[in-house]
C-alpha cells in the first residue's frame, strides 16, 4: 500500500504525507538521474555525475529527516 495516499483520521494527518510527497518525488527524480548517468558508459562529465550523487544524498537525507520528524510528532501526540 502506498503510504502517501493513506487517508488520516484528521486533516492534519493528511497534510503531512502531502508534504512528504514532494520529498519523495525529489528522491525519485534524483535516483533516475543518477542511474541514467551511471549507466551511460560514454558519460565523461564527472561533475554531472558528482552533482547527481550529491542531489541523491541530499534528497535521501531530506526525506529521512521529514519522516523522523513526523514519527517524533506522532509519538508526542500519543503521549498527550
PDB file of N, CA and C in Angstrom:
ATOM      1  N   UNK A   1       0.841  -1.173   0.000  1.00  0.00           N
ATOM      2  CA  UNK A   1       0.000   0.000   0.000  1.00  0.00           C
ATOM      3  C   UNK A   1       0.889   1.239   0.000  1.00  0.00           C
ATOM      4  N   UNK A   2       0.517   2.226  -0.753  1.00  0.00           N
ATOM      5  CA  UNK A   2       1.271   3.468  -0.835  1.00  0.00           C
ATOM      6  C   UNK A   2       0.980   4.311   0.395  1.00  0.00           C
ATOM      7  N   UNK A   3       2.015   4.557   1.208  1.00  0.00           N
ATOM      8  CA  UNK A   3       1.849   5.312   2.449  1.00  0.00           C
ATOM      9  C   UNK A   3       1.412   6.752   2.177  1.00  0.00           C
ATOM     10  N   UNK A   4       1.780   7.296   1.023  1.00  0.00           N
ATOM     11  CA  UNK A   4       1.463   8.683   0.733  1.00  0.00           C
ATOM     12  C   UNK A   4      -0.009   8.899   0.448  1.00  0.00           C
ATOM     13  N   UNK A   5      -0.701   7.857   0.023  1.00  0.00           N
ATOM     14  CA  UNK A   5      -2.104   8.024  -0.333  1.00  0.00           C
ATOM     15  C   UNK A   5      -3.043   7.561   0.775  1.00  0.00           C
ATOM     16  N   UNK A   6      -2.488   7.170   1.918  1.00  0.00           N
ATOM     17  CA  UNK A   6      -3.336   6.703   3.004  1.00  0.00           C
ATOM     18  C   UNK A   6      -4.015   7.888   3.687  1.00  0.00           C
ATOM     19  N   UNK A   7      -5.332   7.865   3.790  1.00  0.00           N
ATOM     20  CA  UNK A   7      -6.013   8.968   4.473  1.00  0.00           C
ATOM     21  C   UNK A   7      -5.768   8.899   5.968  1.00  0.00           C
ATOM     22  N   UNK A   8      -5.713  10.055   6.595  1.00  0.00           N
ATOM     23  CA  UNK A   8      -5.535  10.111   8.040  1.00  0.00           C
ATOM     24  C   UNK A   8      -6.862  10.276   8.748  1.00  0.00           C
ATOM     25  N   UNK A   9      -6.806  10.221  10.050  1.00  0.00           N
ATOM     26  CA  UNK A   9      -8.014  10.378  10.843  1.00  0.00           C
ATOM     27  C   UNK A   9      -8.403  11.843  10.978  1.00  0.00           C
ATOM     28  N   UNK A  10      -7.447  12.731  10.741  1.00  0.00           N
ATOM     29  CA  UNK A  10      -7.728  14.156  10.843  1.00  0.00           C
ATOM     30  C   UNK A  10      -7.096  14.880   9.667  1.00  0.00           C
ATOM     31  N   UNK A  11      -7.523  16.100   9.385  1.00  0.00           N
ATOM     32  CA  UNK A  11      -6.920  16.863   8.281  1.00  0.00           C
ATOM     33  C   UNK A  11      -5.425  17.073   8.457  1.00  0.00           C
ATOM     34  N   UNK A  12      -4.939  17.177   9.701  1.00  0.00           N
ATOM     35  CA  UNK A  12      -3.504  17.352   9.944  1.00  0.00           C
ATOM     36  C   UNK A  12      -2.718  16.126   9.496  1.00  0.00           C
ATOM     37  N   UNK A  13      -3.268  14.945   9.705  1.00  0.00           N
ATOM     38  CA  UNK A  13      -2.575  13.723   9.322  1.00  0.00           C
ATOM     39  C   UNK A  13      -2.480  13.593   7.804  1.00  0.00           C
ATOM     40  N   UNK A  14      -3.448  14.114   7.083  1.00  0.00           N
ATOM     41  CA  UNK A  14      -3.428  14.049   5.629  1.00  0.00           C
ATOM     42  C   UNK A  14      -2.387  15.027   5.077  1.00  0.00           C
ATOM     43  N   UNK A  15      -2.193  16.157   5.730  1.00  0.00           N
ATOM     44  CA  UNK A  15      -1.274  17.184   5.247  1.00  0.00           C
ATOM     45  C   UNK A  15       0.177  16.714   5.291  1.00  0.00           C
ATOM     46  N   UNK A  16       0.553  15.955   6.310  1.00  0.00           N
ATOM     47  CA  UNK A  16       1.944  15.522   6.429  1.00  0.00           C
ATOM     48  C   UNK A  16       2.388  14.644   5.258  1.00  0.00           C
ATOM     49  N   UNK A  17       1.613  13.620   4.858  1.00  0.00           N
ATOM     50  CA  UNK A  17       2.048  12.830   3.709  1.00  0.00           C
ATOM     51  C   UNK A  17       2.154  13.664   2.435  1.00  0.00           C
ATOM     52  N   UNK A  18       1.307  14.672   2.272  1.00  0.00           N
ATOM     53  CA  UNK A  18       1.405  15.511   1.087  1.00  0.00           C
ATOM     54  C   UNK A  18       2.713  16.288   1.085  1.00  0.00           C
ATOM     55  N   UNK A  19       3.148  16.733   2.255  1.00  0.00           N
ATOM     56  CA  UNK A  19       4.433  17.426   2.354  1.00  0.00           C
ATOM     57  C   UNK A  19       5.566  16.462   2.013  1.00  0.00           C
ATOM     58  N   UNK A  20       5.451  15.231   2.455  1.00  0.00           N
ATOM     59  CA  UNK A  20       6.476  14.226   2.159  1.00  0.00           C
ATOM     60  C   UNK A  20       6.443  13.805   0.699  1.00  0.00           C
ATOM     61  N   UNK A  21       5.310  13.979   0.057  1.00  0.00           N
ATOM     62  CA  UNK A  21       5.184  13.584  -1.353  1.00  0.00           C
ATOM     63  C   UNK A  21       6.179  14.345  -2.222  1.00  0.00           C
ATOM     64  N   UNK A  22       6.363  15.620  -1.964  1.00  0.00           N
ATOM     65  CA  UNK A  22       7.329  16.413  -2.731  1.00  0.00           C
ATOM     66  C   UNK A  22       8.744  15.897  -2.499  1.00  0.00           C
ATOM     67  N   UNK A  23       9.042  15.509  -1.265  1.00  0.00           N
ATOM     68  CA  UNK A  23      10.367  14.968  -0.974  1.00  0.00           C
ATOM     69  C   UNK A  23      10.559  13.611  -1.646  1.00  0.00           C
ATOM     70  N   UNK A  24       9.512  12.805  -1.679  1.00  0.00           N
ATOM     71  CA  UNK A  24       9.589  11.509  -2.368  1.00  0.00           C
ATOM     72  C   UNK A  24       9.829  11.703  -3.855  1.00  0.00           C
ATOM     73  N   UNK A  25       9.128  12.654  -4.436  1.00  0.00           N
ATOM     74  CA  UNK A  25       9.306  12.931  -5.862  1.00  0.00           C
ATOM     75  C   UNK A  25      10.737  13.404  -6.131  1.00  0.00           C
ATOM     76  N   UNK A  26      11.255  14.268  -5.259  1.00  0.00           N
ATOM     77  CA  UNK A  26      12.635  14.744  -5.415  1.00  0.00           C
ATOM     78  C   UNK A  26      13.609  13.563  -5.373  1.00  0.00           C
ATOM     79  N   UNK A  27      13.395  12.644  -4.440  1.00  0.00           N
ATOM     80  CA  UNK A  27      14.277  11.491  -4.315  1.00  0.00           C
ATOM     81  C   UNK A  27      14.201  10.594  -5.550  1.00  0.00           C
ATOM     82  N   UNK A  28      12.996  10.362  -6.026  1.00  0.00           N
ATOM     83  CA  UNK A  28      12.822   9.520  -7.219  1.00  0.00           C
ATOM     84  C   UNK A  28      13.509  10.152  -8.432  1.00  0.00           C
ATOM     85  N   UNK A  29      13.315  11.450  -8.614  1.00  0.00           N
ATOM     86  CA  UNK A  29      13.937  12.126  -9.759  1.00  0.00           C
ATOM     87  C   UNK A  29      15.467  12.095  -9.649  1.00  0.00           C
ATOM     88  N   UNK A  30      15.974  12.267  -8.438  1.00  0.00           N
ATOM     89  CA  UNK A  30      17.426  12.206  -8.237  1.00  0.00           C
ATOM     90  C   UNK A  30      17.959  10.815  -8.548  1.00  0.00           C
ATOM     91  N   UNK A  31      17.224   9.786  -8.149  1.00  0.00           N
ATOM     92  CA  UNK A  31      17.636   8.398  -8.411  1.00  0.00           C
ATOM     93  C   UNK A  31      17.610   8.098  -9.897  1.00  0.00           C
ATOM     94  N   UNK A  32      16.593   8.555 -10.584  1.00  0.00           N
ATOM     95  CA  UNK A  32      16.506   8.338 -12.033  1.00  0.00           C
ATOM     96  C   UNK A  32      17.682   9.000 -12.737  1.00  0.00           C
ATOM     97  N   UNK A  33      17.973  10.243 -12.369  1.00  0.00           N
ATOM     98  CA  UNK A  33      19.090  10.960 -12.984  1.00  0.00           C
ATOM     99  C   UNK A  33      20.418  10.266 -12.684  1.00  0.00           C
ATOM    100  N   UNK A  34      20.613   9.857 -11.440  1.00  0.00           N
ATOM    101  CA  UNK A  34      21.854   9.181 -11.064  1.00  0.00           C
ATOM    102  C   UNK A  34      22.010   7.867 -11.812  1.00  0.00           C
ATOM    103  N   UNK A  35      20.947   7.073 -11.870  1.00  0.00           N
ATOM    104  CA  UNK A  35      21.003   5.808 -12.602  1.00  0.00           C
ATOM    105  C   UNK A  35      21.320   6.030 -14.076  1.00  0.00           C
ATOM    106  N   UNK A  36      20.699   7.036 -14.665  1.00  0.00           N
ATOM    107  CA  UNK A  36      20.935   7.322 -16.084  1.00  0.00           C
ATOM    108  C   UNK A  36      22.402   7.665 -16.328  1.00  0.00           C
ATOM    109  N   UNK A  37      22.955   8.503 -15.495  1.00  0.00           N
ATOM    110  CA  UNK A  37      24.359   8.901 -15.674  1.00  0.00           C
ATOM    111  C   UNK A  37      25.316   7.744 -15.397  1.00  0.00           C
ATOM    112  N   UNK A  38      25.005   6.929 -14.405  1.00  0.00           N
ATOM    113  CA  UNK A  38      25.878   5.791 -14.094  1.00  0.00           C
ATOM    114  C   UNK A  38      25.837   4.715 -15.174  1.00  0.00           C
ATOM    115  N   UNK A  39      24.678   4.541 -15.819  1.00  0.00           N
ATOM    116  CA  UNK A  39      24.567   3.541 -16.893  1.00  0.00           C
ATOM    117  C   UNK A  39      25.231   4.002 -18.174  1.00  0.00           C
ATOM    118  N   UNK A  40      25.308   5.301 -18.361  1.00  0.00           N
ATOM    119  CA  UNK A  40      25.879   5.861 -19.584  1.00  0.00           C
ATOM    120  C   UNK A  40      27.402   5.748 -19.518  1.00  0.00           C
ATOM    121  N   UNK A  41      27.931   4.679 -20.096  1.00  0.00           N
ATOM    122  CA  UNK A  41      29.371   4.436 -20.073  1.00  0.00           C
ATOM    123  C   UNK A  41      30.165   5.483 -20.826  1.00  0.00           C
ATOM    124  N   UNK A  42      29.525   6.170 -21.740  1.00  0.00           N
ATOM    125  CA  UNK A  42      30.236   7.180 -22.525  1.00  0.00           C
ATOM    126  C   UNK A  42      30.231   8.546 -21.850  1.00  0.00           C
ATOM    127  N   UNK A  43      29.557   8.645 -20.703  1.00  0.00           N
ATOM    128  CA  UNK A  43      29.468   9.920 -19.995  1.00  0.00           C
ATOM    129  C   UNK A  43      30.832  10.284 -19.419  1.00  0.00           C
ATOM    130  N   UNK A  44      31.376  11.369 -19.900  1.00  0.00           N
ATOM    131  CA  UNK A  44      32.681  11.842 -19.433  1.00  0.00           C
ATOM    132  C   UNK A  44      32.529  13.012 -18.462  1.00  0.00           C
ATOM    133  N   UNK A  45      31.300  13.427 -18.239  1.00  0.00           N
ATOM    134  CA  UNK A  45      31.048  14.573 -17.380  1.00  0.00           C
ATOM    135  C   UNK A  45      30.995  14.125 -15.924  1.00  0.00           C
ATOM    136  N   UNK A  46      32.171  14.088 -15.301  1.00  0.00           N
ATOM    137  CA  UNK A  46      32.243  13.633 -13.920  1.00  0.00           C
ATOM    138  C   UNK A  46      31.608  14.621 -12.957  1.00  0.00           C
ATOM    139  N   UNK A  47      31.587  15.887 -13.337  1.00  0.00           N
ATOM    140  CA  UNK A  47      30.950  16.865 -12.459  1.00  0.00           C
ATOM    141  C   UNK A  47      29.430  16.645 -12.426  1.00  0.00           C
ATOM    142  N   UNK A  48      28.835  16.264 -13.541  1.00  0.00           N
ATOM    143  CA  UNK A  48      27.398  15.970 -13.571  1.00  0.00           C
ATOM    144  C   UNK A  48      27.098  14.727 -12.730  1.00  0.00           C
ATOM    145  N   UNK A  49      27.968  13.724 -12.819  1.00  0.00           N
ATOM    146  CA  UNK A  49      27.793  12.514 -12.026  1.00  0.00           C
ATOM    147  C   UNK A  49      27.934  12.825 -10.540  1.00  0.00           C
ATOM    148  N   UNK A  50      28.919  13.634 -10.191  1.00  0.00           N
ATOM    149  CA  UNK A  50      29.102  14.029  -8.792  1.00  0.00           C
ATOM    150  C   UNK A  50      27.901  14.823  -8.287  1.00  0.00           C
ATOM    151  N   UNK A  51      27.416  15.737  -9.101  1.00  0.00           N
ATOM    152  CA  UNK A  51      26.252  16.538  -8.715  1.00  0.00           C
ATOM    153  C   UNK A  51      25.027  15.649  -8.522  1.00  0.00           C
ATOM    154  N   UNK A  52      24.853  14.641  -9.381  1.00  0.00           N
ATOM    155  CA  UNK A  52      23.720  13.723  -9.260  1.00  0.00           C
ATOM    156  C   UNK A  52      23.829  12.902  -7.978  1.00  0.00           C
ATOM    157  N   UNK A  53      25.040  12.483  -7.644  1.00  0.00           N
ATOM    158  CA  UNK A  53      25.237  11.731  -6.396  1.00  0.00           C
ATOM    159  C   UNK A  53      24.947  12.604  -5.177  1.00  0.00           C
ATOM    160  N   UNK A  54      25.373  13.843  -5.230  1.00  0.00           N
ATOM    161  CA  UNK A  54      25.122  14.770  -4.121  1.00  0.00           C
ATOM    162  C   UNK A  54      23.631  15.035  -3.979  1.00  0.00           C
ATOM    163  N   UNK A  55      22.942  15.271  -5.084  1.00  0.00           N
ATOM    164  CA  UNK A  55      21.497  15.524  -5.026  1.00  0.00           C
ATOM    165  C   UNK A  55      20.760  14.305  -4.476  1.00  0.00           C
ATOM    166  N   UNK A  56      21.177  13.104  -4.879  1.00  0.00           N
ATOM    167  CA  UNK A  56      20.541  11.894  -4.354  1.00  0.00           C
ATOM    168  C   UNK A  56      20.751  11.802  -2.844  1.00  0.00           C
ATOM    169  N   UNK A  57      21.963  12.090  -2.392  1.00  0.00           N
ATOM    170  CA  UNK A  57      22.247  12.043  -0.953  1.00  0.00           C
ATOM    171  C   UNK A  57      21.434  13.097  -0.197  1.00  0.00           C
ATOM    172  N   UNK A  58      21.366  14.303  -0.741  1.00  0.00           N
ATOM    173  CA  UNK A  58      20.606  15.369  -0.092  1.00  0.00           C
ATOM    174  C   UNK A  58      19.117  15.054  -0.055  1.00  0.00           C
ATOM    175  N   UNK A  59      18.597  14.519  -1.153  1.00  0.00           N
ATOM    176  CA  UNK A  59      17.175  14.164  -1.210  1.00  0.00           C
ATOM    177  C   UNK A  59      16.869  13.038  -0.227  1.00  0.00           C
ATOM    178  N   UNK A  60      17.767  12.079  -0.116  1.00  0.00           N
ATOM    179  CA  UNK A  60      17.589  10.971   0.828  1.00  0.00           C
ATOM    180  C   UNK A  60      17.554  11.490   2.264  1.00  0.00           C
ATOM    181  N   UNK A  61      18.482  12.370   2.577  1.00  0.00           N
ATOM    182  CA  UNK A  61      18.542  12.928   3.921  1.00  0.00           C
ATOM    183  C   UNK A  61      17.303  13.777   4.229  1.00  0.00           C
ATOM    184  N   UNK A  62      16.859  14.557   3.265  1.00  0.00           N
ATOM    185  CA  UNK A  62      15.689  15.413   3.480  1.00  0.00           C
ATOM    186  C   UNK A  62      14.454  14.566   3.768  1.00  0.00           C
ATOM    187  N   UNK A  63      14.274  13.499   3.001  1.00  0.00           N
ATOM    188  CA  UNK A  63      13.121  12.628   3.228  1.00  0.00           C
ATOM    189  C   UNK A  63      13.246  11.921   4.572  1.00  0.00           C
ATOM    190  N   UNK A  64      14.425  11.423   4.886  1.00  0.00           N
ATOM    191  CA  UNK A  64      14.625  10.750   6.168  1.00  0.00           C
ATOM    192  C   UNK A  64      14.363  11.711   7.331  1.00  0.00           C
ATOM    193  N   UNK A  65      14.858  12.929   7.232  1.00  0.00           N
ATOM    194  CA  UNK A  65      14.623  13.924   8.280  1.00  0.00           C
ATOM    195  C   UNK A  65      13.128  14.194   8.457  1.00  0.00           C
ATOM    196  N   UNK A  66      12.410  14.325   7.353  1.00  0.00           N
ATOM    197  CA  UNK A  66      10.972  14.582   7.419  1.00  0.00           C
ATOM    198  C   UNK A  66      10.236  13.412   8.057  1.00  0.00           C
ATOM    199  N   UNK A  67      10.633  12.195   7.710  1.00  0.00           N
ATOM    200  CA  UNK A  67       9.984  11.021   8.291  1.00  0.00           C
ATOM    201  C   UNK A  67      10.280  10.896   9.782  1.00  0.00           C
ATOM    202  N   UNK A  68      11.515  11.216  10.172  1.00  0.00           N
ATOM    203  CA  UNK A  68      11.868  11.189  11.598  1.00  0.00           C
ATOM    204  C   UNK A  68      11.059  12.229  12.360  1.00  0.00           C
ATOM    205  N   UNK A  69      10.973  13.427  11.806  1.00  0.00           N
ATOM    206  CA  UNK A  69      10.199  14.493  12.441  1.00  0.00           C
ATOM    207  C   UNK A  69       8.743  14.094  12.575  1.00  0.00           C
ATOM    208  N   UNK A  70       8.193  13.485  11.541  1.00  0.00           N
ATOM    209  CA  UNK A  70       6.802  13.037  11.566  1.00  0.00           C
ATOM    210  C   UNK A  70       6.616  11.962  12.631  1.00  0.00           C
ATOM    211  N   UNK A  71       7.542  11.035  12.721  1.00  0.00           N
ATOM    212  CA  UNK A  71       7.455   9.960  13.710  1.00  0.00           C
ATOM    213  C   UNK A  71       7.507  10.523  15.131  1.00  0.00           C
ATOM    214  N   UNK A  72       8.414  11.467  15.374  1.00  0.00           N
ATOM    215  CA  UNK A  72       8.525  12.083  16.696  1.00  0.00           C
ATOM    216  C   UNK A  72       7.238  12.822  17.041  1.00  0.00           C
ATOM    217  N   UNK A  73       6.683  13.548  16.074  1.00  0.00           N
ATOM    218  CA  UNK A  73       5.432  14.277  16.313  1.00  0.00           C
ATOM    219  C   UNK A  73       4.292  13.314  16.634  1.00  0.00           C
ATOM    220  N   UNK A  74       4.240  12.193  15.925  1.00  0.00           N
ATOM    221  CA  UNK A  74       3.187  11.200  16.181  1.00  0.00           C
ATOM    222  C   UNK A  74       3.351  10.591  17.573  1.00  0.00           C
ATOM    223  N   UNK A  75       4.596  10.295  17.963  1.00  0.00           N
ATOM    224  CA  UNK A  75       4.833   9.745  19.297  1.00  0.00           C
ATOM    225  C   UNK A  75       4.460  10.765  20.370  1.00  0.00           C
ATOM    226  N   UNK A  76       4.800  12.009  20.119  1.00  0.00           N
ATOM    227  CA  UNK A  76       4.487  13.078  21.075  1.00  0.00           C
ATOM    228  C   UNK A  76       2.973  13.230  21.213  1.00  0.00           C
ATOM    229  N   UNK A  77       2.252  13.162  20.111  1.00  0.00           N
ATOM    230  CA  UNK A  77       0.790  13.322  20.180  1.00  0.00           C
ATOM    231  C   UNK A  77       0.129  12.144  20.893  1.00  0.00           C
ATOM    232  N   UNK A  78       0.743  10.983  20.855  1.00  0.00           N
ATOM    233  CA  UNK A  78       0.187   9.833  21.565  1.00  0.00           C
ATOM    234  C   UNK A  78       0.362   9.966  23.081  1.00  0.00           C
ATOM    235  N   UNK A  79       1.407  10.695  23.485  1.00  0.00           N
ATOM    236  CA  UNK A  79       1.674  10.866  24.907  1.00  0.00           C
ATOM    237  C   UNK A  79       0.744  11.887  25.545  1.00  0.00           C
ATOM    238  N   UNK A  80       0.218  12.828  24.748  1.00  0.00           N
ATOM    239  CA  UNK A  80      -0.586  13.917  25.310  1.00  0.00           C
ATOM    240  C   UNK A  80      -1.975  13.895  24.791  1.00  0.00           C
TER     241      UNK A  80
END
